[in-house]
Amino acid sequence: MITENLRHRQQRAAEDGAARGFAWSRVIGLPVIAGTMEAVTDAILARAGRAEGGYVCVANVHMLVTARRDPRFRPVVEQAPLVVSDSRPLVWELHRQGLAFAEQLYGPLLMVELCRKAAAEGTPVFFYGGDDEVRDALVSELVRRFPALRIAGAEAAPLLPAEPPLDPALVARIRASGARLVFSALGCPKQEFWMRRHAPELDAVLLGVGQAFNVVAGTLPDAPDWMRARGLGWLYRLAREPRRLWRRYVVTNSLFLGYLARERLSARFRRAAG
């Protein structure tokens, strides 16, 4: 259940965002922000500048369906101060709801744009996840793009359980680094569980960005722009790793469509009854 304190925090986030051109909505019953890349990145950096902490869920179909099905994971998404729309199907649904300004905030592009603005503002950033090779390639690429970027730290992650426990030593290192943005790339839902557990101990804003480290570092090929624009990024990834991903995409996408259809039908019945 959402507490009054959580409602207050989300209301404040909504008010902060409204002044910058974004709004809260719901997709298959989960909270999602409709907004532009500029508005959302400004809001995230504003939280970082105020040292408010908290965490950002970069939501796609898989995340929302997982939250809908898993009672342990759902509160992680429900209680996030910010949940942004990473995938095209979420944006299409937000458009259908009348939120025409909503943009797809694709994880790798969101991370790069935040790093660009962080470099301009002098905001220190921290990276956690991936292996040593990916970490080094990511840092090199970001420094190449943004020489002024203040990288407070970058650590490869050890093998962690599905719901990582609090790591006091890591918390101490992040605090000592002075980071105000922490990007985590542990994969969903592990990174979201990690963020929820660590966010109360940190002033920095935590963002779960999944495969963004690999994509930006150049160690993982990305779907072409035309495929992502048509909501086919998942198909590109499925074609590259069919054995690992077929069940996730076939089952998850089908469930997402089913949840949407059920909600629209319920809404139609409510309107007819009213």
Protein backbone atom coordinates (compact mmCIF):
# COMPACT_ATOMS: atom_id res chain seq x y z
CA MET A 1 0.00 0.00 0.00
CA ILE A 2 1.22 3.49 -0.82
CA THR A 3 1.86 5.46 2.36
CA GLU A 4 0.89 9.08 2.87
CA ASN A 5 4.57 9.99 2.97
CA LEU A 6 5.03 8.34 -0.43
CA ARG A 7 1.98 10.15 -1.79
CA HIS A 8 3.48 13.42 -0.57
CA ARG A 9 6.82 12.68 -2.26
CA GLN A 10 5.15 11.70 -5.53
CA GLN A 11 2.92 14.77 -5.37
CA ARG A 12 5.97 16.95 -4.89
CA ALA A 13 7.69 15.24 -7.81
CA ALA A 14 4.59 15.81 -9.92
CA GLU A 15 4.46 19.49 -8.96
CA ASP A 16 8.17 19.90 -9.68
CA GLY A 17 7.67 18.23 -13.04
CA ALA A 18 4.54 20.13 -14.00
CA ALA A 19 6.52 23.35 -14.01
CA ARG A 20 8.98 21.71 -16.39
CA GLY A 21 6.50 20.04 -18.72
CA PHE A 22 5.89 16.47 -17.52
CA ALA A 23 3.07 14.66 -15.76
CA TRP A 24 2.37 11.42 -13.91
CA SER A 25 0.11 8.80 -15.44
CA ARG A 26 -0.39 5.02 -15.15
CA VAL A 27 0.21 2.21 -17.62
CA ILE A 28 -1.20 -1.25 -16.78
CA GLY A 29 -1.75 0.08 -13.28
CA LEU A 30 1.83 1.26 -12.64
CA PRO A 31 3.05 4.88 -12.35
CA VAL A 32 4.89 6.30 -15.35
CA ILE A 33 5.96 9.85 -16.14
CA ALA A 34 5.02 11.37 -19.47
CA GLY A 35 7.63 13.95 -20.39
CA THR A 36 10.31 15.17 -22.72
CA MET A 37 13.98 14.31 -22.45
CA GLU A 38 14.76 17.91 -21.51
CA ALA A 39 12.08 18.14 -18.82
CA VAL A 40 12.90 14.82 -17.19
CA THR A 41 16.68 15.27 -17.19
CA ASP A 42 16.25 18.75 -15.72
CA ALA A 43 14.05 17.33 -12.96
CA ILE A 44 16.56 14.57 -12.18
CA LEU A 45 19.45 17.02 -12.01
CA ALA A 46 17.37 19.35 -9.84
CA ARG A 47 16.88 16.51 -7.33
CA ALA A 48 20.60 15.79 -7.49
CA GLY A 49 21.40 19.45 -6.90
CA ARG A 50 19.16 19.53 -3.84
CA ALA A 51 20.76 16.31 -2.54
CA GLU A 52 17.28 14.78 -2.21
CA GLY A 53 18.41 11.32 -3.22
CA GLY A 54 15.87 8.75 -4.30
CA TYR A 55 15.92 6.50 -7.33
CA VAL A 56 14.69 6.52 -10.91
CA CYS A 57 13.14 3.48 -12.60
CA VAL A 58 13.74 3.53 -16.35
CA ALA A 59 10.66 1.50 -17.21
CA ASN A 60 9.95 -0.68 -20.21
CA VAL A 61 7.32 -3.35 -20.90
CA HIS A 62 9.34 -6.01 -19.10
CA MET A 63 9.66 -3.93 -15.92
CA LEU A 64 5.98 -3.04 -15.72
CA VAL A 65 4.80 -6.58 -16.40
CA THR A 66 7.25 -7.92 -13.81
CA ALA A 67 5.95 -5.39 -11.28
CA ARG A 68 2.37 -6.30 -12.10
CA ARG A 69 3.04 -10.01 -11.51
CA ASP A 70 5.51 -9.92 -8.60
CA PRO A 71 4.14 -8.56 -5.29
CA ARG A 72 7.69 -8.12 -3.97
CA PHE A 73 8.76 -6.01 -6.93
CA ARG A 74 5.64 -3.91 -7.39
CA PRO A 75 6.30 -1.66 -4.35
CA VAL A 76 9.79 -0.92 -5.71
CA VAL A 77 8.24 0.67 -8.79
CA GLU A 78 5.27 2.19 -6.95
CA GLN A 79 7.53 3.92 -4.44
CA ALA A 80 10.09 5.30 -6.88
CA PRO A 81 10.15 9.11 -6.89
CA LEU A 82 10.47 8.98 -10.69
CA VAL A 83 9.48 6.29 -13.22
CA VAL A 84 10.32 7.25 -16.80
CA SER A 85 9.17 5.70 -20.08
CA ASP A 86 12.03 3.80 -21.71
CA SER A 87 10.11 1.91 -24.39
CA ARG A 88 7.97 2.91 -27.35
CA PRO A 89 4.85 0.90 -26.34
CA LEU A 90 4.67 2.84 -23.07
CA VAL A 91 4.90 6.11 -24.99
CA TRP A 92 2.17 5.01 -27.39
CA GLU A 93 -0.11 4.29 -24.45
CA LEU A 94 0.68 7.68 -22.89
CA HIS A 95 -0.14 9.34 -26.23
CA ARG A 96 -3.42 7.41 -26.31
CA GLN A 97 -4.20 8.86 -22.89
CA GLY A 98 -3.83 12.35 -24.36
CA LEU A 99 -0.27 13.05 -23.19
CA ALA A 100 1.02 13.92 -26.64
CA PHE A 101 4.23 15.50 -25.34
CA ALA A 102 5.51 12.20 -23.93
CA GLU A 103 8.83 11.09 -25.43
CA GLN A 104 10.66 7.78 -25.29
CA LEU A 105 13.46 8.17 -22.74
CA TYR A 106 15.63 5.34 -24.00
CA GLY A 107 18.07 4.29 -21.27
CA PRO A 108 21.40 4.79 -23.12
CA LEU A 109 20.29 8.16 -24.52
CA LEU A 110 18.95 9.24 -21.12
CA MET A 111 22.28 8.38 -19.48
CA VAL A 112 24.28 10.22 -22.14
CA GLU A 113 22.08 13.31 -21.91
CA LEU A 114 22.37 13.35 -18.13
CA CYS A 115 26.15 13.05 -18.42
CA ARG A 116 26.22 15.91 -20.93
CA LYS A 117 24.28 18.16 -18.58
CA ALA A 118 26.24 16.95 -15.55
CA ALA A 119 29.48 17.90 -17.33
CA ALA A 120 28.13 21.37 -18.05
CA GLU A 121 26.96 21.85 -14.45
CA GLY A 122 29.90 20.20 -12.70
CA THR A 123 27.74 17.45 -11.19
CA PRO A 124 29.84 14.40 -10.16
CA VAL A 125 28.65 11.01 -11.42
CA PHE A 126 29.31 7.42 -10.35
CA PHE A 127 28.92 4.18 -12.33
CA TYR A 128 28.20 0.79 -10.76
CA GLY A 129 27.80 -2.42 -12.72
CA GLY A 130 29.16 -4.44 -15.60
CA ASP A 131 32.64 -5.94 -15.64
CA ASP A 132 36.07 -4.30 -15.75
CA GLU A 133 36.19 -4.23 -19.55
CA VAL A 134 32.80 -2.56 -19.90
CA ARG A 135 33.56 -0.11 -17.08
CA ASP A 136 36.85 1.01 -18.66
CA ALA A 137 35.33 1.32 -22.13
CA LEU A 138 32.38 3.29 -20.76
CA VAL A 139 34.56 5.75 -18.87
CA SER A 140 36.82 6.25 -21.89
CA GLU A 141 33.86 6.91 -24.19
CA LEU A 142 32.17 9.36 -21.85
CA VAL A 143 35.39 11.27 -21.21
CA ARG A 144 35.92 11.43 -24.96
CA ARG A 145 32.45 12.89 -25.46
CA PHE A 146 32.42 15.13 -22.38
CA PRO A 147 35.96 16.04 -21.25
CA ALA A 148 34.58 18.14 -18.38
CA LEU A 149 32.55 15.26 -16.92
CA ARG A 150 33.45 14.69 -13.25
CA ILE A 151 33.56 10.93 -12.80
CA ALA A 152 33.55 10.43 -9.04
CA GLY A 153 33.86 6.67 -9.33
CA ALA A 154 33.29 3.65 -11.54
CA GLU A 155 33.09 0.12 -10.18
CA ALA A 156 32.37 -3.23 -11.75
CA ALA A 157 29.78 -5.18 -9.78
CA PRO A 158 30.36 -8.58 -8.21
CA LEU A 159 27.87 -11.39 -8.70
CA LEU A 160 24.89 -10.33 -6.61
CA PRO A 161 21.71 -12.13 -5.53
CA ALA A 162 18.38 -11.29 -7.13
CA GLU A 163 17.59 -8.91 -4.25
CA PRO A 164 20.97 -7.47 -3.22
CA PRO A 165 21.46 -6.65 0.46
CA LEU A 166 22.77 -3.32 1.68
CA ASP A 167 26.50 -2.93 1.07
CA PRO A 168 27.75 -0.47 3.74
CA ALA A 169 31.26 -0.34 2.26
CA LEU A 170 29.89 0.62 -1.15
CA VAL A 171 27.66 3.24 0.45
CA ALA A 172 30.71 4.71 2.18
CA ARG A 173 32.66 4.82 -1.08
CA ILE A 174 29.84 6.55 -2.94
CA ARG A 175 29.39 9.07 -0.13
CA ALA A 176 33.13 9.78 -0.02
CA SER A 177 33.22 10.24 -3.80
CA GLY A 178 30.81 13.18 -3.67
CA ALA A 179 28.71 11.71 -6.48
CA ARG A 180 25.28 13.24 -7.08
CA LEU A 181 24.17 10.85 -9.84
CA VAL A 182 24.76 7.09 -9.56
CA PHE A 183 24.08 4.94 -12.62
CA SER A 184 23.48 1.26 -11.88
CA ALA A 185 23.61 -1.43 -14.57
CA LEU A 186 22.67 -4.70 -12.87
CA GLY A 187 19.67 -5.60 -15.02
CA CYS A 188 15.98 -5.52 -14.12
CA PRO A 189 14.71 -6.20 -11.49
CA LYS A 190 18.00 -6.68 -9.62
CA GLN A 191 19.13 -3.05 -10.11
CA GLU A 192 15.78 -1.73 -8.88
CA PHE A 193 15.94 -3.86 -5.74
CA TRP A 194 19.53 -2.62 -5.29
CA MET A 195 18.48 1.02 -5.68
CA ARG A 196 15.57 0.75 -3.26
CA ARG A 197 17.84 -0.81 -0.62
CA HIS A 198 20.65 1.75 -1.01
CA ALA A 199 18.75 4.97 -1.79
CA PRO A 200 17.85 5.76 1.87
CA GLU A 201 21.58 5.74 2.71
CA LEU A 202 22.64 8.17 -0.02
CA ASP A 203 22.06 11.79 -1.04
CA ALA A 204 22.74 10.97 -4.69
CA VAL A 205 20.00 10.14 -7.20
CA LEU A 206 20.24 6.50 -8.33
CA LEU A 207 19.26 5.46 -11.85
CA GLY A 208 18.85 1.89 -13.12
CA VAL A 209 19.95 1.86 -16.75
CA GLY A 210 20.23 -1.83 -17.63
CA GLN A 211 22.31 -2.43 -20.75
CA ALA A 212 23.14 1.26 -21.22
CA PHE A 213 26.73 0.76 -20.07
CA ASN A 214 27.35 -1.82 -22.80
CA VAL A 215 25.56 0.18 -25.49
CA VAL A 216 27.35 3.46 -24.77
CA ALA A 217 30.70 1.69 -24.31
CA GLY A 218 30.24 0.05 -27.71
CA THR A 219 30.53 -3.50 -26.37
CA LEU A 220 26.89 -4.31 -27.30
CA PRO A 221 25.39 -3.46 -30.72
CA ASP A 222 22.26 -1.36 -30.47
CA ALA A 223 19.10 -1.59 -32.53
CA PRO A 224 18.95 0.85 -35.45
CA ASP A 225 17.05 4.07 -34.84
CA TRP A 226 14.31 3.09 -37.29
CA MET A 227 13.62 -0.12 -35.35
CA ARG A 228 13.47 1.63 -31.98
CA ALA A 229 11.20 4.32 -33.44
CA ARG A 230 8.75 1.59 -34.46
CA GLY A 231 8.90 -0.21 -31.13
CA LEU A 232 11.01 -3.05 -32.56
CA GLY A 233 14.10 -2.74 -30.39
CA TRP A 234 13.05 -5.90 -28.58
CA LEU A 235 12.94 -7.79 -31.89
CA TYR A 236 16.51 -6.78 -32.67
CA ARG A 237 17.69 -8.05 -29.29
CA LEU A 238 15.65 -11.23 -29.65
CA ALA A 239 17.23 -11.94 -33.04
CA ARG A 240 20.69 -11.63 -31.47
CA GLU A 241 19.97 -13.76 -28.39
CA PRO A 242 16.93 -15.93 -29.18
CA ARG A 243 17.63 -18.71 -26.67
CA ARG A 244 18.06 -16.35 -23.75
CA LEU A 245 15.34 -13.84 -24.58
CA TRP A 246 12.53 -15.60 -26.44
CA ARG A 247 10.52 -16.47 -23.36
CA ARG A 248 10.94 -13.01 -21.86
CA TYR A 249 9.71 -11.18 -24.94
CA VAL A 250 7.03 -13.58 -26.13
CA VAL A 251 5.47 -13.99 -22.69
CA THR A 252 6.03 -10.43 -21.45
CA ASN A 253 4.77 -8.69 -24.59
CA SER A 254 1.69 -10.91 -24.68
CA LEU A 255 0.90 -10.20 -21.04
CA PHE A 256 1.38 -6.47 -21.58
CA LEU A 257 -1.13 -6.46 -24.43
CA GLY A 258 -3.54 -8.50 -22.34
CA TYR A 259 -3.31 -6.11 -19.39
CA LEU A 260 -3.87 -3.13 -21.69
CA ALA A 261 -6.90 -4.74 -23.31
CA ARG A 262 -8.39 -5.60 -19.92
CA GLU A 263 -7.93 -2.05 -18.62
CA ARG A 264 -9.47 -0.49 -21.70
CA LEU A 265 -12.44 -2.83 -21.51
CA SER A 266 -12.92 -2.05 -17.82
CA ALA A 267 -12.75 1.68 -18.54
CA ARG A 268 -15.38 1.29 -21.28
CA PHE A 269 -17.71 -0.55 -18.92
CA ARG A 270 -17.24 2.12 -16.25
CA ARG A 271 -18.09 4.87 -18.72
CA ALA A 272 -21.15 2.98 -19.91
CA ALA A 273 -22.30 2.40 -16.33
CA GLY A 274 -21.73 6.05 -15.41
